[in-house]
PDB file of N, CA and C in Angstrom:
ATOM      1  N   UNK A   1      -8.018   4.083  54.464  1.00  0.00           N
ATOM      2  CA  UNK A   1      -8.841   2.729  54.526  1.00  0.00           C
ATOM      3  C   UNK A   1      -8.201   1.693  53.755  1.00  0.00           C
ATOM      4  N   UNK A   2      -8.065   0.577  54.347  1.00  0.00           N
ATOM      5  CA  UNK A   2      -7.522  -0.767  53.585  1.00  0.00           C
ATOM      6  C   UNK A   2      -8.544  -1.167  52.719  1.00  0.00           C
ATOM      7  N   UNK A   3      -8.082  -1.750  51.609  1.00  0.00           N
ATOM      8  CA  UNK A   3      -8.993  -2.542  50.600  1.00  0.00           C
ATOM      9  C   UNK A   3      -9.112  -3.824  51.007  1.00  0.00           C
ATOM     10  N   UNK A   4     -10.047  -4.730  50.936  1.00  0.00           N
ATOM     11  CA  UNK A   4     -10.064  -6.216  51.126  1.00  0.00           C
ATOM     12  C   UNK A   4      -9.509  -6.724  49.810  1.00  0.00           C
ATOM     13  N   UNK A   5      -8.735  -7.749  49.914  1.00  0.00           N
ATOM     14  CA  UNK A   5      -8.086  -8.045  48.432  1.00  0.00           C
ATOM     15  C   UNK A   5      -9.094  -8.901  47.521  1.00  0.00           C
ATOM     16  N   UNK A   6     -10.009  -9.404  48.206  1.00  0.00           N
ATOM     17  CA  UNK A   6     -11.150 -10.174  47.434  1.00  0.00           C
ATOM     18  C   UNK A   6     -12.504  -9.865  47.765  1.00  0.00           C
ATOM     19  N   UNK A   7     -13.449  -9.496  46.967  1.00  0.00           N
ATOM     20  CA  UNK A   7     -14.670  -9.613  47.241  1.00  0.00           C
ATOM     21  C   UNK A   7     -15.374 -10.863  47.636  1.00  0.00           C
ATOM     22  N   UNK A   8     -16.331 -11.222  48.293  1.00  0.00           N
ATOM     23  CA  UNK A   8     -16.760 -12.632  48.552  1.00  0.00           C
ATOM     24  C   UNK A   8     -17.074 -13.317  47.021  1.00  0.00           C
ATOM     25  N   UNK A   9     -17.478 -12.620  46.167  1.00  0.00           N
ATOM     26  CA  UNK A   9     -17.812 -13.187  44.724  1.00  0.00           C
ATOM     27  C   UNK A   9     -16.374 -13.755  44.148  1.00  0.00           C
ATOM     28  N   UNK A  10     -15.416 -12.689  44.183  1.00  0.00           N
ATOM     29  CA  UNK A  10     -13.961 -13.233  43.826  1.00  0.00           C
ATOM     30  C   UNK A  10     -13.497 -14.128  44.437  1.00  0.00           C
ATOM     31  N   UNK A  11     -13.540 -14.121  45.814  1.00  0.00           N
ATOM     32  CA  UNK A  11     -12.910 -15.280  46.388  1.00  0.00           C
ATOM     33  C   UNK A  11     -13.581 -16.548  46.376  1.00  0.00           C
ATOM     34  N   UNK A  12     -15.141 -16.581  46.020  1.00  0.00           N
ATOM     35  CA  UNK A  12     -15.848 -17.867  45.776  1.00  0.00           C
ATOM     36  C   UNK A  12     -15.286 -18.277  44.287  1.00  0.00           C
ATOM     37  N   UNK A  13     -15.121 -17.338  43.385  1.00  0.00           N
ATOM     38  CA  UNK A  13     -14.600 -17.910  41.923  1.00  0.00           C
ATOM     39  C   UNK A  13     -13.390 -18.406  41.969  1.00  0.00           C
ATOM     40  N   UNK A  14     -12.345 -17.969  42.807  1.00  0.00           N
ATOM     41  CA  UNK A  14     -11.036 -18.282  42.902  1.00  0.00           C
ATOM     42  C   UNK A  14     -11.072 -19.749  43.594  1.00  0.00           C
ATOM     43  N   UNK A  15     -11.685 -20.043  44.697  1.00  0.00           N
ATOM     44  CA  UNK A  15     -11.765 -21.190  45.523  1.00  0.00           C
ATOM     45  C   UNK A  15     -12.407 -22.302  44.276  1.00  0.00           C
ATOM     46  N   UNK A  16     -13.543 -21.981  43.626  1.00  0.00           N
ATOM     47  CA  UNK A  16     -14.015 -22.923  42.530  1.00  0.00           C
ATOM     48  C   UNK A  16     -13.156 -23.136  41.471  1.00  0.00           C
ATOM     49  N   UNK A  17     -12.218 -22.185  41.189  1.00  0.00           N
ATOM     50  CA  UNK A  17     -11.215 -22.510  40.136  1.00  0.00           C
ATOM     51  C   UNK A  17     -10.024 -23.528  40.745  1.00  0.00           C
ATOM     52  N   UNK A  18      -9.604 -23.389  41.984  1.00  0.00           N
ATOM     53  CA  UNK A  18      -8.777 -24.291  42.615  1.00  0.00           C
ATOM     54  C   UNK A  18      -9.457 -25.618  42.837  1.00  0.00           C
ATOM     55  N   UNK A  19     -10.604 -25.772  43.031  1.00  0.00           N
ATOM     56  CA  UNK A  19     -11.324 -26.794  43.217  1.00  0.00           C
ATOM     57  C   UNK A  19     -11.384 -27.915  41.890  1.00  0.00           C
ATOM     58  N   UNK A  20     -11.695 -27.040  40.818  1.00  0.00           N
ATOM     59  CA  UNK A  20     -11.624 -27.702  39.424  1.00  0.00           C
ATOM     60  C   UNK A  20     -10.216 -27.919  38.952  1.00  0.00           C
ATOM     61  N   UNK A  21      -9.337 -27.251  39.320  1.00  0.00           N
ATOM     62  CA  UNK A  21      -8.040 -27.640  38.785  1.00  0.00           C
ATOM     63  C   UNK A  21      -7.480 -28.836  39.443  1.00  0.00           C
ATOM     64  N   UNK A  22      -7.885 -28.924  40.754  1.00  0.00           N
ATOM     65  CA  UNK A  22      -7.454 -30.053  41.670  1.00  0.00           C
ATOM     66  C   UNK A  22      -8.036 -31.485  40.978  1.00  0.00           C
ATOM     67  N   UNK A  23      -9.321 -31.323  40.761  1.00  0.00           N
ATOM     68  CA  UNK A  23     -10.325 -32.459  40.403  1.00  0.00           C
ATOM     69  C   UNK A  23      -9.521 -32.955  38.783  1.00  0.00           C
ATOM     70  N   UNK A  24      -9.317 -32.172  37.976  1.00  0.00           N
ATOM     71  CA  UNK A  24      -8.693 -32.326  36.745  1.00  0.00           C
ATOM     72  C   UNK A  24      -7.494 -32.881  36.744  1.00  0.00           C
ATOM     73  N   UNK A  25      -6.519 -32.277  37.965  1.00  0.00           N
ATOM     74  CA  UNK A  25      -5.190 -33.194  37.909  1.00  0.00           C
ATOM     75  C   UNK A  25      -5.275 -34.338  38.404  1.00  0.00           C
ATOM     76  N   UNK A  26      -6.212 -34.607  39.450  1.00  0.00           N
ATOM     77  CA  UNK A  26      -6.479 -35.734  40.092  1.00  0.00           C
ATOM     78  C   UNK A  26      -6.706 -36.897  38.968  1.00  0.00           C
ATOM     79  N   UNK A  27      -8.068 -36.404  38.123  1.00  0.00           N
ATOM     80  CA  UNK A  27      -8.420 -37.728  37.090  1.00  0.00           C
ATOM     81  C   UNK A  27      -7.304 -37.928  36.236  1.00  0.00           C
ATOM     82  N   UNK A  28      -6.532 -36.979  35.796  1.00  0.00           N
ATOM     83  CA  UNK A  28      -5.274 -37.242  34.801  1.00  0.00           C
ATOM     84  C   UNK A  28      -4.238 -38.101  35.527  1.00  0.00           C
ATOM     85  N   UNK A  29      -4.009 -37.824  36.813  1.00  0.00           N
ATOM     86  CA  UNK A  29      -3.156 -38.433  37.642  1.00  0.00           C
ATOM     87  C   UNK A  29      -3.475 -39.925  38.056  1.00  0.00           C
ATOM     88  N   UNK A  30      -4.775 -40.133  38.186  1.00  0.00           N
ATOM     89  CA  UNK A  30      -5.672 -41.541  38.235  1.00  0.00           C
ATOM     90  C   UNK A  30      -5.132 -42.315  36.915  1.00  0.00           C
ATOM     91  N   UNK A  31      -5.640 -41.694  35.738  1.00  0.00           N
ATOM     92  CA  UNK A  31      -5.322 -42.132  34.605  1.00  0.00           C
ATOM     93  C   UNK A  31      -3.834 -42.755  34.175  1.00  0.00           C
ATOM     94  N   UNK A  32      -3.127 -41.784  34.568  1.00  0.00           N
ATOM     95  CA  UNK A  32      -1.654 -42.051  34.279  1.00  0.00           C
ATOM     96  C   UNK A  32      -1.169 -43.206  35.240  1.00  0.00           C
ATOM     97  N   UNK A  33      -1.600 -43.261  36.400  1.00  0.00           N
ATOM     98  CA  UNK A  33      -1.134 -44.428  37.259  1.00  0.00           C
ATOM     99  C   UNK A  33      -1.855 -45.766  36.628  1.00  0.00           C
ATOM    100  N   UNK A  34      -3.184 -45.592  36.386  1.00  0.00           N
ATOM    101  CA  UNK A  34      -3.822 -46.769  35.912  1.00  0.00           C
ATOM    102  C   UNK A  34      -3.048 -47.232  34.761  1.00  0.00           C
ATOM    103  N   UNK A  35      -2.793 -46.351  33.811  1.00  0.00           N
ATOM    104  CA  UNK A  35      -1.880 -46.915  32.716  1.00  0.00           C
ATOM    105  C   UNK A  35      -0.565 -47.495  32.975  1.00  0.00           C
ATOM    106  N   UNK A  36       0.117 -46.977  33.905  1.00  0.00           N
ATOM    107  CA  UNK A  36       1.523 -47.506  34.345  1.00  0.00           C
ATOM    108  C   UNK A  36       1.269 -48.783  35.157  1.00  0.00           C
ATOM    109  N   UNK A  37       0.286 -49.130  35.738  1.00  0.00           N
ATOM    110  CA  UNK A  37       0.308 -50.311  36.456  1.00  0.00           C
ATOM    111  C   UNK A  37      -0.589 -51.229  35.724  1.00  0.00           C
ATOM    112  N   UNK A  38      -1.540 -50.905  35.200  1.00  0.00           N
ATOM    113  CA  UNK A  38      -2.646 -51.931  34.276  1.00  0.00           C
ATOM    114  C   UNK A  38      -2.146 -52.238  33.021  1.00  0.00           C
ATOM    115  N   UNK A  39      -1.726 -51.441  32.317  1.00  0.00           N
ATOM    116  CA  UNK A  39      -0.929 -52.070  30.955  1.00  0.00           C
ATOM    117  C   UNK A  39       0.492 -52.454  31.206  1.00  0.00           C
ATOM    118  N   UNK A  40       0.903 -53.198  30.366  1.00  0.00           N
ATOM    119  CA  UNK A  40       2.098 -53.809  30.379  1.00  0.00           C
ATOM    120  C   UNK A  40       2.730 -53.581  28.994  1.00  0.00           C
ATOM    121  N   UNK A  41       3.365 -52.029  29.323  1.00  0.00           N
ATOM    122  CA  UNK A  41       3.854 -51.403  28.142  1.00  0.00           C
ATOM    123  C   UNK A  41       5.423 -51.887  28.095  1.00  0.00           C
ATOM    124  N   UNK A  42       6.108 -51.553  27.071  1.00  0.00           N
ATOM    125  CA  UNK A  42       7.534 -51.810  27.237  1.00  0.00           C
ATOM    126  C   UNK A  42       8.071 -50.383  28.147  1.00  0.00           C
ATOM    127  N   UNK A  43       9.161 -50.568  28.717  1.00  0.00           N
ATOM    128  CA  UNK A  43       9.574 -49.544  29.436  1.00  0.00           C
ATOM    129  C   UNK A  43       9.582 -48.170  28.672  1.00  0.00           C
ATOM    130  N   UNK A  44      10.401 -48.117  27.577  1.00  0.00           N
ATOM    131  CA  UNK A  44      10.547 -46.935  26.852  1.00  0.00           C
ATOM    132  C   UNK A  44       9.102 -46.163  26.483  1.00  0.00           C
ATOM    133  N   UNK A  45       8.268 -46.962  26.143  1.00  0.00           N
ATOM    134  CA  UNK A  45       6.889 -46.413  26.148  1.00  0.00           C
ATOM    135  C   UNK A  45       6.136 -45.746  27.103  1.00  0.00           C
ATOM    136  N   UNK A  46       6.184 -46.631  28.103  1.00  0.00           N
ATOM    137  CA  UNK A  46       5.759 -45.995  29.301  1.00  0.00           C
ATOM    138  C   UNK A  46       6.465 -44.841  29.812  1.00  0.00           C
ATOM    139  N   UNK A  47       7.656 -44.829  30.042  1.00  0.00           N
ATOM    140  CA  UNK A  47       8.771 -43.911  30.340  1.00  0.00           C
ATOM    141  C   UNK A  47       8.128 -42.202  29.335  1.00  0.00           C
ATOM    142  N   UNK A  48       7.975 -42.692  28.185  1.00  0.00           N
ATOM    143  CA  UNK A  48       7.603 -41.462  27.214  1.00  0.00           C
ATOM    144  C   UNK A  48       6.229 -40.983  27.727  1.00  0.00           C
ATOM    145  N   UNK A  49       5.260 -41.996  27.980  1.00  0.00           N
ATOM    146  CA  UNK A  49       3.971 -41.522  28.165  1.00  0.00           C
ATOM    147  C   UNK A  49       3.837 -40.824  29.564  1.00  0.00           C
ATOM    148  N   UNK A  50       4.467 -41.298  30.448  1.00  0.00           N
ATOM    149  CA  UNK A  50       4.560 -40.604  31.773  1.00  0.00           C
ATOM    150  C   UNK A  50       5.324 -39.182  31.759  1.00  0.00           C
ATOM    151  N   UNK A  51       6.318 -39.133  30.997  1.00  0.00           N
ATOM    152  CA  UNK A  51       7.187 -37.819  30.907  1.00  0.00           C
ATOM    153  C   UNK A  51       6.205 -37.043  29.952  1.00  0.00           C
ATOM    154  N   UNK A  52       5.501 -37.053  28.996  1.00  0.00           N
ATOM    155  CA  UNK A  52       4.555 -36.345  28.228  1.00  0.00           C
ATOM    156  C   UNK A  52       3.245 -35.779  29.303  1.00  0.00           C
ATOM    157  N   UNK A  53       2.627 -36.846  29.666  1.00  0.00           N
ATOM    158  CA  UNK A  53       1.835 -36.506  30.760  1.00  0.00           C
ATOM    159  C   UNK A  53       2.142 -35.508  32.016  1.00  0.00           C
ATOM    160  N   UNK A  54       3.352 -35.835  32.400  1.00  0.00           N
ATOM    161  CA  UNK A  54       3.924 -34.886  33.408  1.00  0.00           C
ATOM    162  C   UNK A  54       3.968 -33.353  32.852  1.00  0.00           C
ATOM    163  N   UNK A  55       4.718 -33.410  31.584  1.00  0.00           N
ATOM    164  CA  UNK A  55       4.724 -31.799  31.084  1.00  0.00           C
ATOM    165  C   UNK A  55       3.401 -31.179  30.866  1.00  0.00           C
ATOM    166  N   UNK A  56       2.514 -32.026  30.273  1.00  0.00           N
ATOM    167  CA  UNK A  56       1.125 -31.344  29.984  1.00  0.00           C
ATOM    168  C   UNK A  56       0.831 -30.845  31.564  1.00  0.00           C
ATOM    169  N   UNK A  57       0.973 -31.681  32.566  1.00  0.00           N
ATOM    170  CA  UNK A  57       0.203 -31.168  33.884  1.00  0.00           C
ATOM    171  C   UNK A  57       0.860 -30.086  34.330  1.00  0.00           C
ATOM    172  N   UNK A  58       2.301 -30.136  34.173  1.00  0.00           N
ATOM    173  CA  UNK A  58       3.010 -28.930  34.697  1.00  0.00           C
ATOM    174  C   UNK A  58       2.738 -27.561  33.939  1.00  0.00           C
ATOM    175  N   UNK A  59       2.322 -27.807  32.506  1.00  0.00           N
ATOM    176  CA  UNK A  59       1.981 -26.570  31.729  1.00  0.00           C
ATOM    177  C   UNK A  59       0.550 -25.930  32.235  1.00  0.00           C
ATOM    178  N   UNK A  60      -0.236 -27.153  32.422  1.00  0.00           N
ATOM    179  CA  UNK A  60      -1.400 -26.649  32.853  1.00  0.00           C
ATOM    180  C   UNK A  60      -1.315 -26.021  34.215  1.00  0.00           C
ATOM    181  N   UNK A  61      -0.722 -26.475  35.138  1.00  0.00           N
ATOM    182  CA  UNK A  61      -0.441 -25.815  36.407  1.00  0.00           C
ATOM    183  C   UNK A  61       0.201 -24.231  36.251  1.00  0.00           C
ATOM    184  N   UNK A  62       1.126 -24.300  35.433  1.00  0.00           N
ATOM    185  CA  UNK A  62       1.607 -22.950  35.064  1.00  0.00           C
ATOM    186  C   UNK A  62       0.471 -21.969  34.662  1.00  0.00           C
ATOM    187  N   UNK A  63      -0.318 -22.364  33.611  1.00  0.00           N
ATOM    188  CA  UNK A  63      -1.343 -21.756  32.930  1.00  0.00           C
ATOM    189  C   UNK A  63      -2.441 -21.263  34.031  1.00  0.00           C
ATOM    190  N   UNK A  64      -2.755 -22.062  34.765  1.00  0.00           N
ATOM    191  CA  UNK A  64      -3.864 -21.579  35.976  1.00  0.00           C
ATOM    192  C   UNK A  64      -3.203 -20.783  37.018  1.00  0.00           C
ATOM    193  N   UNK A  65      -2.292 -21.415  37.700  1.00  0.00           N
ATOM    194  CA  UNK A  65      -1.820 -20.510  38.728  1.00  0.00           C
ATOM    195  C   UNK A  65      -0.958 -19.398  38.687  1.00  0.00           C
ATOM    196  N   UNK A  66      -0.153 -19.524  37.592  1.00  0.00           N
ATOM    197  CA  UNK A  66       0.718 -18.177  37.236  1.00  0.00           C
ATOM    198  C   UNK A  66       0.097 -17.353  36.144  1.00  0.00           C
ATOM    199  N   UNK A  67      -1.008 -17.730  35.650  1.00  0.00           N
ATOM    200  CA  UNK A  67      -2.063 -16.721  34.797  1.00  0.00           C
ATOM    201  C   UNK A  67      -1.402 -16.510  33.645  1.00  0.00           C
ATOM    202  N   UNK A  68      -0.494 -17.687  32.945  1.00  0.00           N
ATOM    203  CA  UNK A  68      -0.195 -17.797  31.743  1.00  0.00           C
ATOM    204  C   UNK A  68      -0.874 -18.321  30.750  1.00  0.00           C
ATOM    205  N   UNK A  69      -2.064 -18.667  31.114  1.00  0.00           N
ATOM    206  CA  UNK A  69      -2.689 -19.287  29.836  1.00  0.00           C
ATOM    207  C   UNK A  69      -4.101 -18.538  29.643  1.00  0.00           C
TER     208      UNK A  69
END
């Protein structure tokens, strides 16, 4: 007899986790774009900011979806 990969409760928990992660990453991206467009920072400050935020988002994604966190 085959075993279902998820119970309905586990499935709902995983879907909620994905929506939460999507919301967090969307908010961070909106802030990132707002800073890039709205503030008139020198190029090197802007490049450093975008690089740091991108690395933070990548680490967060790895932690959530690869179960490293």
